[in-house]
Amino acid sequence: MPTIRRRISPSRPTGVKFLNASTLLWGVLFGSIGLGFFIYGKKQRAIVPLICGLALMAFPYFVSGTVLLVLVGAMLMAIPYFIRL
């Protein structure tokens, strides 16, 4: 009995999430703002901008939707304004 091979499309491998241009650009924008927050927090020895900067640089790797990416990024950018330690 011959084996049946399932054909997988080469343009869409399984298990890989695809990014669109807007998600990629928003991720770069929030990552660069996060770098600025991180450098500011490190030089001023302020913990809130330092942690928000790290979070802004890391979270685009874990969020896949563009709208959610913008909402979380805006929230992380606003935290140092409201919380001062």
N, C-alpha and C. Protein backbone atom coordinates (compact mmCIF):
# COMPACT_ATOMS: atom_id res chain seq x y z
N MET A 1 0.84 -1.16 0.00
CA MET A 1 0.00 0.00 0.00
C MET A 1 0.90 1.24 0.00
N PRO A 2 0.71 2.15 -0.94
CA PRO A 2 1.55 3.36 -1.01
C PRO A 2 1.16 4.35 0.10
N THR A 3 2.16 5.07 0.57
CA THR A 3 1.88 6.07 1.60
C THR A 3 1.39 7.36 0.94
N ILE A 4 0.52 8.02 1.61
CA ILE A 4 -0.03 9.28 1.10
C ILE A 4 0.74 10.42 1.76
N ARG A 5 1.34 11.25 0.94
CA ARG A 5 2.08 12.39 1.46
C ARG A 5 1.21 13.64 1.37
N ARG A 6 1.21 14.36 2.45
CA ARG A 6 0.46 15.60 2.47
C ARG A 6 1.35 16.72 1.94
N ARG A 7 0.84 17.47 1.04
CA ARG A 7 1.61 18.55 0.43
C ARG A 7 1.49 19.81 1.29
N ILE A 8 2.63 20.35 1.66
CA ILE A 8 2.67 21.58 2.45
C ILE A 8 3.12 22.71 1.54
N SER A 9 2.38 23.78 1.59
CA SER A 9 2.70 24.93 0.75
C SER A 9 4.04 25.54 1.21
N PRO A 10 4.99 25.78 0.29
CA PRO A 10 6.27 26.35 0.70
C PRO A 10 6.18 27.81 1.13
N SER A 11 5.11 28.52 0.74
CA SER A 11 4.99 29.92 1.10
C SER A 11 4.49 30.12 2.53
N ARG A 12 3.86 29.12 3.11
CA ARG A 12 3.33 29.22 4.47
C ARG A 12 3.71 27.98 5.28
N PRO A 13 4.91 27.99 5.87
CA PRO A 13 5.26 26.85 6.72
C PRO A 13 4.39 26.81 7.97
N THR A 14 4.17 25.63 8.50
CA THR A 14 3.30 25.50 9.66
C THR A 14 4.03 25.91 10.92
N GLY A 15 3.31 26.49 11.87
CA GLY A 15 3.86 26.86 13.15
C GLY A 15 4.59 28.19 13.19
N VAL A 16 4.57 28.96 12.11
CA VAL A 16 5.28 30.24 12.07
C VAL A 16 4.25 31.35 11.97
N LYS A 17 4.37 32.35 12.88
CA LYS A 17 3.48 33.50 12.80
C LYS A 17 4.10 34.53 11.86
N PHE A 18 3.29 35.11 11.03
CA PHE A 18 3.77 36.08 10.06
C PHE A 18 3.50 37.50 10.54
N LEU A 19 4.45 38.38 10.33
CA LEU A 19 4.30 39.77 10.70
C LEU A 19 3.91 40.59 9.47
N ASN A 20 3.13 41.59 9.68
CA ASN A 20 2.89 42.53 8.60
C ASN A 20 3.75 43.76 8.84
N ALA A 21 3.78 44.66 7.92
CA ALA A 21 4.68 45.81 7.99
C ALA A 21 4.34 46.73 9.15
N SER A 22 3.06 46.91 9.44
CA SER A 22 2.68 47.82 10.52
C SER A 22 3.13 47.27 11.88
N THR A 23 2.99 45.98 12.10
CA THR A 23 3.43 45.39 13.36
C THR A 23 4.94 45.53 13.52
N LEU A 24 5.65 45.33 12.44
CA LEU A 24 7.11 45.44 12.49
C LEU A 24 7.55 46.88 12.79
N LEU A 25 6.94 47.84 12.13
CA LEU A 25 7.32 49.24 12.35
C LEU A 25 6.93 49.73 13.74
N TRP A 26 5.77 49.35 14.23
CA TRP A 26 5.39 49.73 15.59
C TRP A 26 6.35 49.11 16.60
N GLY A 27 6.76 47.87 16.36
CA GLY A 27 7.71 47.22 17.24
C GLY A 27 9.05 47.93 17.27
N VAL A 28 9.52 48.37 16.12
CA VAL A 28 10.78 49.13 16.06
C VAL A 28 10.63 50.47 16.79
N LEU A 29 9.51 51.13 16.60
CA LEU A 29 9.27 52.42 17.25
C LEU A 29 9.26 52.27 18.77
N PHE A 30 8.50 51.30 19.28
CA PHE A 30 8.43 51.11 20.72
C PHE A 30 9.76 50.61 21.28
N GLY A 31 10.48 49.83 20.52
CA GLY A 31 11.80 49.39 20.98
C GLY A 31 12.79 50.54 21.09
N SER A 32 12.75 51.48 20.15
CA SER A 32 13.66 52.62 20.23
C SER A 32 13.27 53.58 21.36
N ILE A 33 11.99 53.77 21.58
CA ILE A 33 11.54 54.58 22.71
C ILE A 33 11.93 53.89 24.02
N GLY A 34 11.82 52.57 24.05
CA GLY A 34 12.23 51.81 25.23
C GLY A 34 13.72 51.94 25.50
N LEU A 35 14.52 51.98 24.45
CA LEU A 35 15.96 52.19 24.64
C LEU A 35 16.23 53.55 25.25
N GLY A 36 15.51 54.57 24.80
CA GLY A 36 15.64 55.90 25.38
C GLY A 36 15.24 55.93 26.85
N PHE A 37 14.13 55.27 27.19
CA PHE A 37 13.71 55.18 28.59
C PHE A 37 14.75 54.45 29.43
N PHE A 38 15.30 53.37 28.87
CA PHE A 38 16.28 52.57 29.60
C PHE A 38 17.54 53.38 29.89
N ILE A 39 18.04 54.10 28.89
CA ILE A 39 19.25 54.91 29.07
C ILE A 39 18.98 56.04 30.08
N TYR A 40 17.83 56.68 29.97
CA TYR A 40 17.48 57.74 30.92
C TYR A 40 17.39 57.19 32.35
N GLY A 41 16.72 56.06 32.51
CA GLY A 41 16.57 55.47 33.83
C GLY A 41 17.89 55.02 34.43
N LYS A 42 18.77 54.55 33.59
CA LYS A 42 20.08 54.10 34.07
C LYS A 42 20.94 55.29 34.51
N LYS A 43 20.93 56.36 33.72
CA LYS A 43 21.75 57.53 34.06
C LYS A 43 21.19 58.28 35.27
N GLN A 44 19.89 58.38 35.38
CA GLN A 44 19.27 59.11 36.49
C GLN A 44 19.02 58.22 37.70
N ARG A 45 19.31 56.95 37.59
CA ARG A 45 19.06 55.97 38.64
C ARG A 45 17.60 55.97 39.06
N ALA A 46 16.73 56.02 38.07
CA ALA A 46 15.28 55.98 38.28
C ALA A 46 14.78 54.61 37.83
N ILE A 47 14.16 53.88 38.73
CA ILE A 47 13.78 52.50 38.47
C ILE A 47 12.58 52.38 37.52
N VAL A 48 11.62 53.29 37.61
CA VAL A 48 10.40 53.17 36.79
C VAL A 48 10.70 53.33 35.29
N PRO A 49 11.43 54.37 34.86
CA PRO A 49 11.76 54.44 33.43
C PRO A 49 12.66 53.30 32.97
N LEU A 50 13.53 52.82 33.85
CA LEU A 50 14.41 51.70 33.51
C LEU A 50 13.61 50.44 33.21
N ILE A 51 12.67 50.12 34.08
CA ILE A 51 11.86 48.91 33.89
C ILE A 51 10.90 49.08 32.72
N CYS A 52 10.31 50.26 32.57
CA CYS A 52 9.42 50.50 31.43
C CYS A 52 10.19 50.42 30.12
N GLY A 53 11.43 50.89 30.13
CA GLY A 53 12.27 50.78 28.94
C GLY A 53 12.55 49.34 28.57
N LEU A 54 12.88 48.53 29.56
CA LEU A 54 13.09 47.10 29.29
C LEU A 54 11.82 46.44 28.77
N ALA A 55 10.68 46.79 29.37
CA ALA A 55 9.41 46.22 28.92
C ALA A 55 9.07 46.66 27.51
N LEU A 56 9.33 47.94 27.18
CA LEU A 56 9.05 48.44 25.83
C LEU A 56 9.93 47.77 24.79
N MET A 57 11.15 47.40 25.16
CA MET A 57 12.03 46.72 24.21
C MET A 57 11.65 45.25 24.04
N ALA A 58 11.07 44.64 25.07
CA ALA A 58 10.81 43.20 25.02
C ALA A 58 9.41 42.82 24.56
N PHE A 59 8.40 43.64 24.88
CA PHE A 59 7.03 43.18 24.64
C PHE A 59 6.66 43.00 23.17
N PRO A 60 7.25 43.70 22.18
CA PRO A 60 6.84 43.42 20.79
C PRO A 60 7.12 42.00 20.32
N TYR A 61 8.00 41.29 21.02
CA TYR A 61 8.27 39.89 20.66
C TYR A 61 7.13 38.97 21.07
N PHE A 62 6.31 39.39 22.01
CA PHE A 62 5.28 38.53 22.56
C PHE A 62 3.86 38.91 22.14
N VAL A 63 3.68 40.08 21.56
CA VAL A 63 2.35 40.56 21.15
C VAL A 63 2.27 40.47 19.63
N SER A 64 1.22 39.83 19.13
CA SER A 64 1.14 39.61 17.69
C SER A 64 0.18 40.57 16.97
N GLY A 65 -0.80 41.11 17.63
CA GLY A 65 -1.77 41.99 16.99
C GLY A 65 -1.32 43.44 17.01
N THR A 66 -1.59 44.16 15.93
CA THR A 66 -1.16 45.54 15.82
C THR A 66 -1.88 46.44 16.81
N VAL A 67 -3.17 46.27 16.97
CA VAL A 67 -3.94 47.12 17.88
C VAL A 67 -3.49 46.89 19.32
N LEU A 68 -3.31 45.63 19.69
CA LEU A 68 -2.85 45.31 21.04
C LEU A 68 -1.43 45.83 21.27
N LEU A 69 -0.61 45.77 20.24
CA LEU A 69 0.76 46.29 20.32
C LEU A 69 0.77 47.78 20.61
N VAL A 70 -0.07 48.53 19.93
CA VAL A 70 -0.14 49.98 20.13
C VAL A 70 -0.70 50.31 21.51
N LEU A 71 -1.73 49.59 21.94
CA LEU A 71 -2.33 49.86 23.25
C LEU A 71 -1.36 49.57 24.40
N VAL A 72 -0.70 48.44 24.35
CA VAL A 72 0.25 48.09 25.41
C VAL A 72 1.44 49.04 25.38
N GLY A 73 1.92 49.39 24.19
CA GLY A 73 3.05 50.32 24.08
C GLY A 73 2.71 51.70 24.61
N ALA A 74 1.53 52.19 24.31
CA ALA A 74 1.12 53.51 24.82
C ALA A 74 0.97 53.48 26.33
N MET A 75 0.46 52.37 26.86
CA MET A 75 0.32 52.25 28.30
C MET A 75 1.69 52.20 28.98
N LEU A 76 2.63 51.47 28.42
CA LEU A 76 3.97 51.39 29.01
C LEU A 76 4.71 52.73 28.91
N MET A 77 4.43 53.50 27.88
CA MET A 77 5.07 54.81 27.76
C MET A 77 4.47 55.80 28.75
N ALA A 78 3.22 55.63 29.16
CA ALA A 78 2.56 56.56 30.07
C ALA A 78 2.87 56.26 31.54
N ILE A 79 3.30 55.06 31.84
CA ILE A 79 3.55 54.69 33.24
C ILE A 79 4.56 55.60 33.92
N PRO A 80 5.73 55.93 33.32
CA PRO A 80 6.67 56.81 34.03
C PRO A 80 6.14 58.22 34.29
N TYR A 81 5.16 58.65 33.51
CA TYR A 81 4.58 59.97 33.72
C TYR A 81 3.73 59.99 34.99
N PHE A 82 3.03 58.91 35.26
CA PHE A 82 2.11 58.87 36.39
C PHE A 82 2.74 58.30 37.66
N ILE A 83 3.75 57.46 37.53
CA ILE A 83 4.37 56.85 38.70
C ILE A 83 5.79 57.40 38.84
N ARG A 84 6.02 58.09 39.91
CA ARG A 84 7.35 58.67 40.17
C ARG A 84 7.85 58.11 41.50
N LEU A 85 8.97 57.42 41.44
CA LEU A 85 9.57 56.87 42.67
C LEU A 85 10.91 57.48 42.92
